[in-house]
C-alpha atoms as a PDB file:
ATOM      1  CA  UNK A   1     -38.604  -6.627  36.159  1.00  0.00           C
ATOM      2  CA  UNK A   2     -39.968 -10.027  36.987  1.00  0.00           C
ATOM      3  CA  UNK A   3     -36.571 -11.555  35.417  1.00  0.00           C
ATOM      4  CA  UNK A   4     -34.503  -9.434  37.147  1.00  0.00           C
ATOM      5  CA  UNK A   5     -35.872 -10.880  40.561  1.00  0.00           C
ATOM      6  CA  UNK A   6     -35.209 -13.976  39.239  1.00  0.00           C
ATOM      7  CA  UNK A   7     -31.511 -13.552  38.431  1.00  0.00           C
ATOM      8  CA  UNK A   8     -31.182 -12.072  41.561  1.00  0.00           C
ATOM      9  CA  UNK A   9     -33.231 -14.572  43.095  1.00  0.00           C
ATOM     10  CA  UNK A  10     -30.297 -17.245  41.598  1.00  0.00           C
ATOM     11  CA  UNK A  11     -27.335 -15.085  42.657  1.00  0.00           C
ATOM     12  CA  UNK A  12     -28.746 -15.032  46.011  1.00  0.00           C
ATOM     13  CA  UNK A  13     -28.760 -19.158  45.957  1.00  0.00           C
ATOM     14  CA  UNK A  14     -25.673 -19.604  44.633  1.00  0.00           C
ATOM     15  CA  UNK A  15     -22.260 -19.557  47.311  1.00  0.00           C
ATOM     16  CA  UNK A  16     -20.736 -16.426  47.576  1.00  0.00           C
ATOM     17  CA  UNK A  17     -17.146 -18.185  48.455  1.00  0.00           C
ATOM     18  CA  UNK A  18     -17.020 -20.917  46.655  1.00  0.00           C
ATOM     19  CA  UNK A  19     -13.701 -22.296  46.134  1.00  0.00           C
ATOM     20  CA  UNK A  20     -11.305 -25.363  43.740  1.00  0.00           C
ATOM     21  CA  UNK A  21      -9.719 -26.762  46.705  1.00  0.00           C
ATOM     22  CA  UNK A  22      -6.786 -29.503  45.040  1.00  0.00           C
ATOM     23  CA  UNK A  23      -6.587 -31.936  48.078  1.00  0.00           C
ATOM     24  CA  UNK A  24      -3.506 -34.135  48.531  1.00  0.00           C
ATOM     25  CA  UNK A  25      -3.972 -37.663  50.342  1.00  0.00           C
ATOM     26  CA  UNK A  26      -2.600 -41.189  50.577  1.00  0.00           C
ATOM     27  CA  UNK A  27      -3.700 -43.225  48.030  1.00  0.00           C
ATOM     28  CA  UNK A  28      -5.250 -45.870  50.925  1.00  0.00           C
ATOM     29  CA  UNK A  29      -7.557 -43.244  51.044  1.00  0.00           C
ATOM     30  CA  UNK A  30      -9.372 -42.924  47.284  1.00  0.00           C
ATOM     31  CA  UNK A  31     -12.019 -44.962  47.663  1.00  0.00           C
ATOM     32  CA  UNK A  32     -13.671 -43.171  50.617  1.00  0.00           C
ATOM     33  CA  UNK A  33     -12.731 -39.678  49.719  1.00  0.00           C
ATOM     34  CA  UNK A  34     -13.995 -40.051  45.793  1.00  0.00           C
ATOM     35  CA  UNK A  35     -17.164 -41.001  47.715  1.00  0.00           C
ATOM     36  CA  UNK A  36     -17.150 -37.805  49.612  1.00  0.00           C
ATOM     37  CA  UNK A  37     -16.664 -35.421  47.197  1.00  0.00           C
ATOM     38  CA  UNK A  38     -19.667 -34.559  45.827  1.00  0.00           C
ATOM     39  CA  UNK A  39     -22.101 -34.809  48.669  1.00  0.00           C
ATOM     40  CA  UNK A  40     -19.250 -32.101  49.935  1.00  0.00           C
ATOM     41  CA  UNK A  41     -19.153 -30.604  46.424  1.00  0.00           C
ATOM     42  CA  UNK A  42     -23.113 -30.613  46.233  1.00  0.00           C
ATOM     43  CA  UNK A  43     -23.292 -29.061  50.464  1.00  0.00           C
ATOM     44  CA  UNK A  44     -20.389 -26.340  49.894  1.00  0.00           C
ATOM     45  CA  UNK A  45     -20.939 -25.833  46.807  1.00  0.00           C
ATOM     46  CA  UNK A  46     -17.020 -26.095  46.747  1.00  0.00           C
ATOM     47  CA  UNK A  47     -15.148 -28.128  43.858  1.00  0.00           C
ATOM     48  CA  UNK A  48     -12.088 -30.534  44.517  1.00  0.00           C
ATOM     49  CA  UNK A  49     -10.211 -31.778  42.749  1.00  0.00           C
ATOM     50  CA  UNK A  50      -8.076 -35.322  44.769  1.00  0.00           C
ATOM     51  CA  UNK A  51      -4.329 -35.488  43.627  1.00  0.00           C
ATOM     52  CA  UNK A  52      -3.913 -38.798  45.340  1.00  0.00           C
ATOM     53  CA  UNK A  53      -0.751 -40.945  45.595  1.00  0.00           C
ATOM     54  CA  UNK A  54       2.422 -41.862  48.308  1.00  0.00           C
ATOM     55  CA  UNK A  55       2.476 -39.897  50.960  1.00  0.00           C
ATOM     56  CA  UNK A  56       6.399 -39.566  50.464  1.00  0.00           C
ATOM     57  CA  UNK A  57       5.546 -38.004  47.028  1.00  0.00           C
ATOM     58  CA  UNK A  58       2.571 -35.497  47.857  1.00  0.00           C
ATOM     59  CA  UNK A  59       4.682 -34.053  50.605  1.00  0.00           C
ATOM     60  CA  UNK A  60       7.515 -33.620  48.419  1.00  0.00           C
ATOM     61  CA  UNK A  61       5.529 -31.932  45.875  1.00  0.00           C
ATOM     62  CA  UNK A  62       4.367 -29.180  48.712  1.00  0.00           C
ATOM     63  CA  UNK A  63       7.665 -28.692  49.544  1.00  0.00           C
ATOM     64  CA  UNK A  64       8.528 -28.102  45.478  1.00  0.00           C
ATOM     65  CA  UNK A  65       5.204 -25.150  45.655  1.00  0.00           C
ATOM     66  CA  UNK A  66       2.456 -27.155  44.377  1.00  0.00           C
ATOM     67  CA  UNK A  67      -0.947 -25.584  44.505  1.00  0.00           C
ATOM     68  CA  UNK A  68      -2.338 -27.671  47.767  1.00  0.00           C
ATOM     69  CA  UNK A  69      -5.095 -26.582  50.434  1.00  0.00           C
ATOM     70  CA  UNK A  70      -5.142 -29.562  52.053  1.00  0.00           C
ATOM     71  CA  UNK A  71      -2.721 -32.544  52.563  1.00  0.00           C
ATOM     72  CA  UNK A  72      -4.311 -36.006  54.007  1.00  0.00           C
ATOM     73  CA  UNK A  73      -1.260 -38.371  55.065  1.00  0.00           C
ATOM     74  CA  UNK A  74      -0.694 -41.627  56.145  1.00  0.00           C
ATOM     75  CA  UNK A  75       1.887 -41.302  59.339  1.00  0.00           C
ATOM     76  CA  UNK A  76       2.599 -38.298  61.149  1.00  0.00           C
ATOM     77  CA  UNK A  77       6.298 -37.966  59.564  1.00  0.00           C
ATOM     78  CA  UNK A  78       5.240 -36.408  56.623  1.00  0.00           C
ATOM     79  CA  UNK A  79       2.901 -34.104  58.479  1.00  0.00           C
ATOM     80  CA  UNK A  80       5.662 -33.909  61.000  1.00  0.00           C
ATOM     81  CA  UNK A  81       8.478 -32.235  58.120  1.00  0.00           C
ATOM     82  CA  UNK A  82       5.476 -30.185  56.265  1.00  0.00           C
ATOM     83  CA  UNK A  83       5.216 -28.367  59.965  1.00  0.00           C
ATOM     84  CA  UNK A  84       9.408 -27.577  59.852  1.00  0.00           C
ATOM     85  CA  UNK A  85       8.882 -26.583  57.273  1.00  0.00           C
ATOM     86  CA  UNK A  86       6.382 -24.164  57.677  1.00  0.00           C
ATOM     87  CA  UNK A  87       4.312 -25.629  55.212  1.00  0.00           C
ATOM     88  CA  UNK A  88       0.804 -26.577  57.089  1.00  0.00           C
ATOM     89  CA  UNK A  89      -1.588 -24.342  58.744  1.00  0.00           C
ATOM     90  CA  UNK A  90      -0.180 -26.215  62.498  1.00  0.00           C
ATOM     91  CA  UNK A  91      -3.243 -25.592  64.008  1.00  0.00           C
ATOM     92  CA  UNK A  92      -6.188 -27.201  61.431  1.00  0.00           C
ATOM     93  CA  UNK A  93      -3.973 -29.877  61.907  1.00  0.00           C
ATOM     94  CA  UNK A  94      -5.466 -33.275  63.294  1.00  0.00           C
ATOM     95  CA  UNK A  95      -5.390 -37.024  63.482  1.00  0.00           C
ATOM     96  CA  UNK A  96      -8.514 -38.805  62.069  1.00  0.00           C
ATOM     97  CA  UNK A  97      -8.064 -41.989  61.658  1.00  0.00           C
ATOM     98  CA  UNK A  98      -5.370 -45.265  61.725  1.00  0.00           C
ATOM     99  CA  UNK A  99      -5.449 -48.585  59.737  1.00  0.00           C
ATOM    100  CA  UNK A 100      -4.271 -51.831  60.046  1.00  0.00           C
ATOM    101  CA  UNK A 101      -1.506 -53.973  58.064  1.00  0.00           C
ATOM    102  CA  UNK A 102      -2.753 -57.807  56.606  1.00  0.00           C
ATOM    103  CA  UNK A 103      -0.710 -60.140  54.173  1.00  0.00           C
ATOM    104  CA  UNK A 104      -2.604 -60.556  51.093  1.00  0.00           C
ATOM    105  CA  UNK A 105      -2.954 -63.769  48.305  1.00  0.00           C
ATOM    106  CA  UNK A 106      -4.044 -64.005  45.037  1.00  0.00           C
ATOM    107  CA  UNK A 107      -8.117 -65.092  46.034  1.00  0.00           C
ATOM    108  CA  UNK A 108      -8.364 -68.210  43.450  1.00  0.00           C
ATOM    109  CA  UNK A 109      -4.221 -69.074  43.143  1.00  0.00           C
ATOM    110  CA  UNK A 110      -3.315 -66.996  45.933  1.00  0.00           C
ATOM    111  CA  UNK A 111       0.161 -68.620  47.820  1.00  0.00           C
ATOM    112  CA  UNK A 112      -0.780 -70.821  51.387  1.00  0.00           C
ATOM    113  CA  UNK A 113      -0.006 -68.911  53.566  1.00  0.00           C
ATOM    114  CA  UNK A 114      -1.338 -68.301  57.233  1.00  0.00           C
ATOM    115  CA  UNK A 115       0.985 -66.903  58.750  1.00  0.00           C
ATOM    116  CA  UNK A 116       3.238 -64.486  59.206  1.00  0.00           C
ATOM    117  CA  UNK A 117       6.329 -67.266  59.279  1.00  0.00           C
ATOM    118  CA  UNK A 118       4.967 -68.690  55.442  1.00  0.00           C
ATOM    119  CA  UNK A 119       6.697 -65.565  53.982  1.00  0.00           C
ATOM    120  CA  UNK A 120       9.819 -67.031  54.922  1.00  0.00           C
ATOM    121  CA  UNK A 121       9.325 -70.545  53.070  1.00  0.00           C
ATOM    122  CA  UNK A 122       9.187 -71.308  49.222  1.00  0.00           C
ATOM    123  CA  UNK A 123       5.615 -70.584  48.952  1.00  0.00           C
ATOM    124  CA  UNK A 124       6.226 -66.926  48.564  1.00  0.00           C
ATOM    125  CA  UNK A 125       9.152 -66.008  45.927  1.00  0.00           C
ATOM    126  CA  UNK A 126       7.763 -62.435  45.517  1.00  0.00           C
ATOM    127  CA  UNK A 127       6.817 -60.668  48.377  1.00  0.00           C
ATOM    128  CA  UNK A 128       5.434 -56.647  47.241  1.00  0.00           C
ATOM    129  CA  UNK A 129       5.632 -53.890  49.491  1.00  0.00           C
ATOM    130  CA  UNK A 130       4.986 -50.120  49.261  1.00  0.00           C
ATOM    131  CA  UNK A 131       8.564 -48.609  48.302  1.00  0.00           C
ATOM    132  CA  UNK A 132       9.912 -49.233  51.739  1.00  0.00           C
ATOM    133  CA  UNK A 133      12.464 -46.198  52.375  1.00  0.00           C
ATOM    134  CA  UNK A 134      10.076 -43.665  51.924  1.00  0.00           C
ATOM    135  CA  UNK A 135       6.236 -44.576  51.194  1.00  0.00           C
ATOM    136  CA  UNK A 136       4.225 -45.155  54.842  1.00  0.00           C
ATOM    137  CA  UNK A 137       2.426 -47.951  54.374  1.00  0.00           C
ATOM    138  CA  UNK A 138       6.464 -50.614  53.209  1.00  0.00           C
ATOM    139  CA  UNK A 139       7.794 -48.284  56.643  1.00  0.00           C
ATOM    140  CA  UNK A 140       4.782 -49.973  58.447  1.00  0.00           C
ATOM    141  CA  UNK A 141       5.449 -53.068  56.930  1.00  0.00           C
ATOM    142  CA  UNK A 142       8.877 -53.100  57.166  1.00  0.00           C
ATOM    143  CA  UNK A 143       9.060 -51.622  60.707  1.00  0.00           C
ATOM    144  CA  UNK A 144       6.864 -54.998  61.856  1.00  0.00           C
ATOM    145  CA  UNK A 145       8.745 -57.713  59.283  1.00  0.00           C
ATOM    146  CA  UNK A 146      11.810 -56.370  62.032  1.00  0.00           C
ATOM    147  CA  UNK A 147      10.300 -55.729  65.094  1.00  0.00           C
ATOM    148  CA  UNK A 148       9.470 -59.863  64.285  1.00  0.00           C
ATOM    149  CA  UNK A 149      11.997 -61.107  63.829  1.00  0.00           C
ATOM    150  CA  UNK A 150      10.748 -61.883  60.207  1.00  0.00           C
ATOM    151  CA  UNK A 151      12.777 -59.329  58.127  1.00  0.00           C
ATOM    152  CA  UNK A 152      16.235 -60.996  57.912  1.00  0.00           C
ATOM    153  CA  UNK A 153      14.136 -63.854  56.247  1.00  0.00           C
ATOM    154  CA  UNK A 154      12.119 -61.995  53.995  1.00  0.00           C
ATOM    155  CA  UNK A 155      14.171 -58.946  52.312  1.00  0.00           C
ATOM    156  CA  UNK A 156      15.659 -60.833  49.363  1.00  0.00           C
ATOM    157  CA  UNK A 157      11.664 -61.488  48.379  1.00  0.00           C
ATOM    158  CA  UNK A 158      10.654 -58.016  48.285  1.00  0.00           C
ATOM    159  CA  UNK A 159       9.080 -56.333  45.072  1.00  0.00           C
ATOM    160  CA  UNK A 160       9.036 -52.359  45.751  1.00  0.00           C
ATOM    161  CA  UNK A 161       5.811 -50.687  44.455  1.00  0.00           C
ATOM    162  CA  UNK A 162       4.945 -47.141  44.318  1.00  0.00           C
ATOM    163  CA  UNK A 163       2.612 -46.709  46.561  1.00  0.00           C
ATOM    164  CA  UNK A 164       0.010 -49.000  49.068  1.00  0.00           C
ATOM    165  CA  UNK A 165      -2.495 -49.858  45.687  1.00  0.00           C
ATOM    166  CA  UNK A 166      -0.107 -50.507  43.462  1.00  0.00           C
ATOM    167  CA  UNK A 167       1.647 -53.336  46.243  1.00  0.00           C
ATOM    168  CA  UNK A 168      -1.978 -54.545  46.105  1.00  0.00           C
ATOM    169  CA  UNK A 169      -3.072 -53.978  42.267  1.00  0.00           C
ATOM    170  CA  UNK A 170       1.107 -56.325  42.187  1.00  0.00           C
ATOM    171  CA  UNK A 171      -0.776 -59.615  43.972  1.00  0.00           C
ATOM    172  CA  UNK A 172      -4.229 -58.797  41.754  1.00  0.00           C
ATOM    173  CA  UNK A 173      -2.250 -59.906  38.833  1.00  0.00           C
ATOM    174  CA  UNK A 174       0.395 -62.597  40.200  1.00  0.00           C
ATOM    175  CA  UNK A 175       2.893 -60.694  39.592  1.00  0.00           C
ATOM    176  CA  UNK A 176       3.925 -60.855  43.606  1.00  0.00           C
ATOM    177  CA  UNK A 177       2.978 -63.690  45.675  1.00  0.00           C
ATOM    178  CA  UNK A 178       1.888 -61.720  48.749  1.00  0.00           C
ATOM    179  CA  UNK A 179       2.209 -58.433  49.731  1.00  0.00           C
ATOM    180  CA  UNK A 180       1.376 -56.579  52.356  1.00  0.00           C
ATOM    181  CA  UNK A 181      -1.159 -53.348  52.494  1.00  0.00           C
ATOM    182  CA  UNK A 182      -3.525 -51.854  54.628  1.00  0.00           C
ATOM    183  CA  UNK A 183      -6.882 -53.658  55.417  1.00  0.00           C
ATOM    184  CA  UNK A 184      -9.081 -51.369  53.772  1.00  0.00           C
ATOM    185  CA  UNK A 185      -7.351 -51.682  50.801  1.00  0.00           C
ATOM    186  CA  UNK A 186      -8.076 -55.314  50.832  1.00  0.00           C
ATOM    187  CA  UNK A 187     -11.175 -54.518  51.420  1.00  0.00           C
ATOM    188  CA  UNK A 188     -11.830 -53.133  48.207  1.00  0.00           C
ATOM    189  CA  UNK A 189     -10.607 -55.800  46.341  1.00  0.00           C
ATOM    190  CA  UNK A 190     -11.884 -58.697  44.942  1.00  0.00           C
ATOM    191  CA  UNK A 191      -9.016 -60.033  43.209  1.00  0.00           C
ATOM    192  CA  UNK A 192      -7.332 -60.867  46.544  1.00  0.00           C
ATOM    193  CA  UNK A 193      -8.018 -62.490  49.673  1.00  0.00           C
ATOM    194  CA  UNK A 194      -6.689 -61.888  53.323  1.00  0.00           C
ATOM    195  CA  UNK A 195      -4.444 -64.535  54.431  1.00  0.00           C
ATOM    196  CA  UNK A 196      -3.414 -63.550  57.539  1.00  0.00           C
ATOM    197  CA  UNK A 197      -4.820 -60.036  59.291  1.00  0.00           C
ATOM    198  CA  UNK A 198      -2.749 -57.978  61.916  1.00  0.00           C
ATOM    199  CA  UNK A 199      -3.721 -56.870  65.168  1.00  0.00           C
ATOM    200  CA  UNK A 200      -3.873 -53.655  65.608  1.00  0.00           C
ATOM    201  CA  UNK A 201      -2.434 -54.519  69.885  1.00  0.00           C
ATOM    202  CA  UNK A 202       0.472 -56.326  68.020  1.00  0.00           C
ATOM    203  CA  UNK A 203       0.904 -53.953  64.906  1.00  0.00           C
ATOM    204  CA  UNK A 204       2.613 -50.789  63.915  1.00  0.00           C
ATOM    205  CA  UNK A 205       0.854 -47.349  64.673  1.00  0.00           C
ATOM    206  CA  UNK A 206      -0.971 -45.930  61.567  1.00  0.00           C
ATOM    207  CA  UNK A 207      -1.779 -42.711  61.693  1.00  0.00           C
ATOM    208  CA  UNK A 208      -3.876 -40.053  59.148  1.00  0.00           C
ATOM    209  CA  UNK A 209      -3.354 -36.660  59.499  1.00  0.00           C
ATOM    210  CA  UNK A 210      -5.415 -33.975  57.607  1.00  0.00           C
ATOM    211  CA  UNK A 211      -4.763 -30.235  57.516  1.00  0.00           C
ATOM    212  CA  UNK A 212      -4.885 -27.134  55.732  1.00  0.00           C
ATOM    213  CA  UNK A 213      -1.499 -26.236  53.556  1.00  0.00           C
ATOM    214  CA  UNK A 214       0.169 -22.595  54.770  1.00  0.00           C
ATOM    215  CA  UNK A 215       0.012 -21.490  51.694  1.00  0.00           C
ATOM    216  CA  UNK A 216      -3.848 -21.999  50.236  1.00  0.00           C
ATOM    217  CA  UNK A 217      -5.672 -19.010  49.340  1.00  0.00           C
ATOM    218  CA  UNK A 218      -8.571 -20.670  50.368  1.00  0.00           C
ATOM    219  CA  UNK A 219      -8.107 -20.759  54.368  1.00  0.00           C
ATOM    220  CA  UNK A 220     -12.028 -20.362  54.978  1.00  0.00           C
ATOM    221  CA  UNK A 221     -12.649 -23.579  52.371  1.00  0.00           C
ATOM    222  CA  UNK A 222     -10.252 -25.474  53.114  1.00  0.00           C
ATOM    223  CA  UNK A 223     -10.792 -25.528  56.536  1.00  0.00           C
ATOM    224  CA  UNK A 224     -14.794 -26.083  56.133  1.00  0.00           C
ATOM    225  CA  UNK A 225     -13.189 -29.448  54.385  1.00  0.00           C
ATOM    226  CA  UNK A 226     -11.617 -30.458  56.931  1.00  0.00           C
ATOM    227  CA  UNK A 227     -14.487 -29.801  59.752  1.00  0.00           C
ATOM    228  CA  UNK A 228     -16.117 -31.876  56.777  1.00  0.00           C
ATOM    229  CA  UNK A 229     -13.913 -34.857  57.012  1.00  0.00           C
ATOM    230  CA  UNK A 230     -13.830 -35.154  60.306  1.00  0.00           C
ATOM    231  CA  UNK A 231     -17.985 -34.527  60.858  1.00  0.00           C
ATOM    232  CA  UNK A 232     -20.385 -38.361  61.804  1.00  0.00           C
ATOM    233  CA  UNK A 233     -20.724 -37.904  58.001  1.00  0.00           C
ATOM    234  CA  UNK A 234     -17.301 -38.262  57.055  1.00  0.00           C
ATOM    235  CA  UNK A 235     -16.018 -40.787  60.347  1.00  0.00           C
ATOM    236  CA  UNK A 236     -19.430 -43.215  59.127  1.00  0.00           C
ATOM    237  CA  UNK A 237     -18.022 -43.922  55.537  1.00  0.00           C
ATOM    238  CA  UNK A 238     -14.588 -43.891  56.073  1.00  0.00           C
ATOM    239  CA  UNK A 239     -16.238 -46.409  58.764  1.00  0.00           C
ATOM    240  CA  UNK A 240     -18.099 -47.930  55.633  1.00  0.00           C
ATOM    241  CA  UNK A 241     -14.090 -48.343  53.720  1.00  0.00           C
ATOM    242  CA  UNK A 242     -13.009 -50.364  56.920  1.00  0.00           C
ATOM    243  CA  UNK A 243     -10.315 -47.103  58.623  1.00  0.00           C
ATOM    244  CA  UNK A 244     -10.384 -47.817  62.366  1.00  0.00           C
ATOM    245  CA  UNK A 245     -10.994 -44.169  64.395  1.00  0.00           C
ATOM    246  CA  UNK A 246      -7.248 -42.481  64.686  1.00  0.00           C
ATOM    247  CA  UNK A 247      -5.826 -43.666  68.347  1.00  0.00           C
ATOM    248  CA  UNK A 248      -6.458 -47.554  67.551  1.00  0.00           C
END
């Protein structure tokens, strides 16, 4: 009888709706989500599988039927595309974060860059950018360079990379003399330094929307996780990694 009673108590203590969630999230969110995941799993009993990469690639995977439960994008455009296709639960969509762009160079042997104009000088032969046609970080960078009149002067130097973390890695390794990444990416690396920070007021409007997918088989659990990301605990971790509140 005692054994049965203990087994009953253990069963009652276990979450009744534990789920394994596939979270498709922008590469720039990697460190924050890897810190948040264990805390959420311990609290909820759910398990998280993080699929981290360029938002454009993740959105394409979802369109092609990949089993995503939550999509956390680095721009509104990719989320808009999925919304138009009926692939997200519209009522769950919310924009949580913002960010800003910075120019980075190698921490020890970095190019002589202190202003945007320096990207056009001989000091920079290779400029790493996330792919400028599809990847949000690259699109934001190209948009800003065009707005300021420097795109035509530096476009011939651009080394395109798969995503913003690959852009950062190109500068860390010396394969690029400079790169434009999110501030949050620059802050997690000891191998680069910020040579020039683009003011939030002057840079592109960067937004990170999150939503539950329409095809999820774990709707309740996915909604719980999105609510956790937006909670005080979630926002504190994002702030720790340099993310700004939405709208900034």
